[in-house]
Amino acid sequence: MSRVFWDSMLFIYLVEDDPKFAPVVSDVLGRCLRRQDTLFTSHLSVAETLVGIEVGSEKEKAFLSSIDEMGFSLLSFDRASIASFRMLRRDFGLRPPDSLHLACAAAANVDLFLTGDTQLLQKRLRVPGIDFITGLDNTPL
């Protein structure tokens, strides 16, 4: 059982039913649920996913209820996230959203930060509070 943070793109792949990535994300989600992993994401991830969905639509309701049903804990950017955010922006020049996701995950002491962002993965970051940062191709679940 691991503590796994899901980045925005994973949800977007599912919601948009991306032909290449949605099946992979569904498989990873199934493995996480079977292993009884503790699942995390940020409020920002949920908001970013909702950008492409009509307000008040059935799709919006289904997505929000799915997040709850799958047992995702939503992390907020708080005082414990500040040091990591600062380091990621200052030392690595990451974009604010990437820094925020990683800082929230670090504050929660996750084992795995899972992302579909290949540019982020190319940076080969080491973030205190996150054991592994990996993409869909390298998911060790």
Protein backbone atom coordinates (compact mmCIF):
# COMPACT_ATOMS: atom_id res chain seq x y z
CA MET A 1 0.00 0.00 0.00
CA SER A 2 1.48 3.33 -1.13
CA ARG A 3 0.63 7.00 -0.92
CA VAL A 4 0.13 8.11 -4.53
CA PHE A 5 -0.43 11.64 -5.84
CA TRP A 6 -2.21 12.03 -9.20
CA ASP A 7 -1.37 15.04 -11.36
CA SER A 8 -4.04 16.83 -13.42
CA MET A 9 -3.26 15.22 -16.77
CA LEU A 10 -4.22 11.77 -15.54
CA PHE A 11 -7.76 12.96 -14.79
CA ILE A 12 -7.91 14.91 -18.04
CA TYR A 13 -6.96 11.78 -20.01
CA LEU A 14 -9.83 9.91 -18.37
CA VAL A 15 -12.42 12.68 -18.72
CA GLU A 16 -11.54 13.29 -22.36
CA ASP A 17 -11.35 9.53 -22.99
CA ASP A 18 -7.96 10.00 -24.66
CA PRO A 19 -7.52 6.98 -26.98
CA LYS A 20 -3.84 6.56 -26.16
CA PHE A 21 -3.68 7.36 -22.45
CA ALA A 22 -7.14 6.75 -20.94
CA PRO A 23 -6.76 2.93 -21.03
CA VAL A 24 -3.33 3.19 -19.38
CA VAL A 25 -4.63 5.54 -16.69
CA SER A 26 -7.62 3.26 -16.07
CA ASP A 27 -5.27 0.32 -15.64
CA VAL A 28 -3.08 2.26 -13.20
CA LEU A 29 -6.16 3.36 -11.26
CA GLY A 30 -7.34 -0.26 -11.04
CA ARG A 31 -3.96 -1.34 -9.69
CA CYS A 32 -3.96 1.47 -7.13
CA LEU A 33 -7.43 0.50 -5.94
CA ARG A 34 -6.59 -3.23 -5.74
CA ARG A 35 -3.47 -2.45 -3.75
CA GLN A 36 -5.54 -0.17 -1.51
CA ASP A 37 -3.18 2.72 -2.12
CA THR A 38 -4.00 6.01 -0.48
CA LEU A 39 -4.79 8.37 -3.35
CA PHE A 40 -4.14 12.10 -3.35
CA THR A 41 -4.56 14.97 -5.73
CA SER A 42 -4.75 18.72 -5.26
CA HIS A 43 -7.71 21.03 -5.43
CA LEU A 44 -5.87 22.61 -8.36
CA SER A 45 -5.85 19.27 -10.23
CA VAL A 46 -9.62 19.02 -9.87
CA ALA A 47 -10.05 22.64 -10.99
CA GLU A 48 -7.76 22.15 -13.99
CA THR A 49 -9.73 19.08 -15.03
CA LEU A 50 -13.01 20.96 -14.74
CA VAL A 51 -11.83 23.76 -17.07
CA GLY A 52 -12.83 21.70 -20.12
CA ILE A 53 -16.19 20.58 -18.71
CA GLU A 54 -19.44 22.53 -18.89
CA VAL A 55 -20.52 23.92 -15.52
CA GLY A 56 -23.46 21.99 -14.05
CA SER A 57 -23.23 19.24 -16.67
CA GLU A 58 -23.66 15.53 -16.02
CA LYS A 59 -20.01 15.11 -16.94
CA GLU A 60 -19.02 17.54 -14.19
CA LYS A 61 -21.22 15.76 -11.63
CA ALA A 62 -19.87 12.37 -12.68
CA PHE A 63 -16.26 13.52 -12.42
CA LEU A 64 -16.70 15.05 -8.97
CA SER A 65 -18.56 12.04 -7.62
CA SER A 66 -15.93 9.71 -9.11
CA ILE A 67 -13.15 11.56 -7.27
CA ASP A 68 -15.02 10.95 -4.03
CA GLU A 69 -15.94 7.34 -4.82
CA MET A 70 -12.34 6.46 -5.71
CA GLY A 71 -11.28 7.83 -2.34
CA PHE A 72 -9.01 10.66 -3.45
CA SER A 73 -7.99 13.04 -0.69
CA LEU A 74 -7.80 16.61 -1.98
CA LEU A 75 -4.74 18.50 -0.83
CA SER A 76 -4.64 22.24 -0.33
CA PHE A 77 -1.68 24.52 -0.70
CA ASP A 78 -0.92 25.42 2.90
CA ARG A 79 1.91 26.52 5.17
CA ALA A 80 3.56 23.08 4.98
CA SER A 81 3.76 23.46 1.18
CA ILE A 82 5.53 26.83 1.11
CA ALA A 83 9.16 25.69 1.42
CA SER A 84 8.86 23.11 -1.37
CA PHE A 85 7.01 25.54 -3.64
CA ARG A 86 9.68 28.17 -3.09
CA MET A 87 12.52 25.73 -3.82
CA LEU A 88 10.85 24.37 -6.97
CA ARG A 89 10.20 27.82 -8.40
CA ARG A 90 13.54 29.33 -7.38
CA ASP A 91 15.95 26.45 -7.98
CA PHE A 92 14.29 24.67 -10.89
CA GLY A 93 12.22 27.41 -12.53
CA LEU A 94 9.09 25.26 -12.59
CA ARG A 95 5.80 26.79 -13.60
CA PRO A 96 3.58 27.77 -10.66
CA PRO A 97 1.00 24.98 -11.24
CA ASP A 98 3.69 22.26 -11.36
CA SER A 99 5.33 23.71 -8.27
CA LEU A 100 2.02 23.80 -6.46
CA HIS A 101 1.16 20.16 -7.26
CA LEU A 102 4.59 18.96 -6.21
CA ALA A 103 4.61 21.09 -3.06
CA CYS A 104 1.22 19.73 -1.96
CA ALA A 105 2.41 16.18 -2.62
CA ALA A 106 5.66 16.79 -0.73
CA ALA A 107 3.80 18.20 2.28
CA ALA A 108 1.70 15.00 2.31
CA ASN A 109 4.86 12.82 2.18
CA VAL A 110 3.76 10.74 -0.79
CA ASP A 111 5.58 7.68 -2.02
CA LEU A 112 4.78 8.33 -5.67
CA PHE A 113 3.94 11.44 -7.70
CA LEU A 114 2.32 10.22 -10.91
CA THR A 115 2.15 12.58 -13.90
CA GLY A 116 1.54 12.63 -17.62
CA ASP A 117 3.73 15.72 -18.02
CA THR A 118 6.79 14.62 -20.00
CA GLN A 119 8.47 18.03 -19.68
CA LEU A 120 8.27 17.78 -15.91
CA LEU A 121 9.64 14.23 -15.98
CA GLN A 122 12.62 15.31 -18.09
CA LYS A 123 13.80 17.51 -15.22
CA ARG A 124 14.48 14.39 -13.10
CA LEU A 125 13.57 16.22 -9.92
CA ARG A 126 14.30 15.08 -6.40
CA VAL A 127 11.81 16.64 -4.02
CA PRO A 128 11.99 16.05 -0.26
CA GLY A 129 8.71 14.46 0.81
CA ILE A 130 8.23 12.60 -2.50
CA ASP A 131 9.99 9.25 -2.92
CA PHE A 132 9.44 8.85 -6.67
CA ILE A 133 8.22 11.05 -9.53
CA THR A 134 7.24 9.02 -12.53
CA GLY A 135 5.08 8.92 -15.64
CA LEU A 136 2.62 6.44 -17.06
CA ASP A 137 5.35 4.57 -18.97
CA ASN A 138 7.36 3.89 -15.83
CA THR A 139 4.65 3.29 -13.24
CA PRO A 140 6.03 0.83 -10.67
CA LEU A 141 2.60 -0.20 -9.39
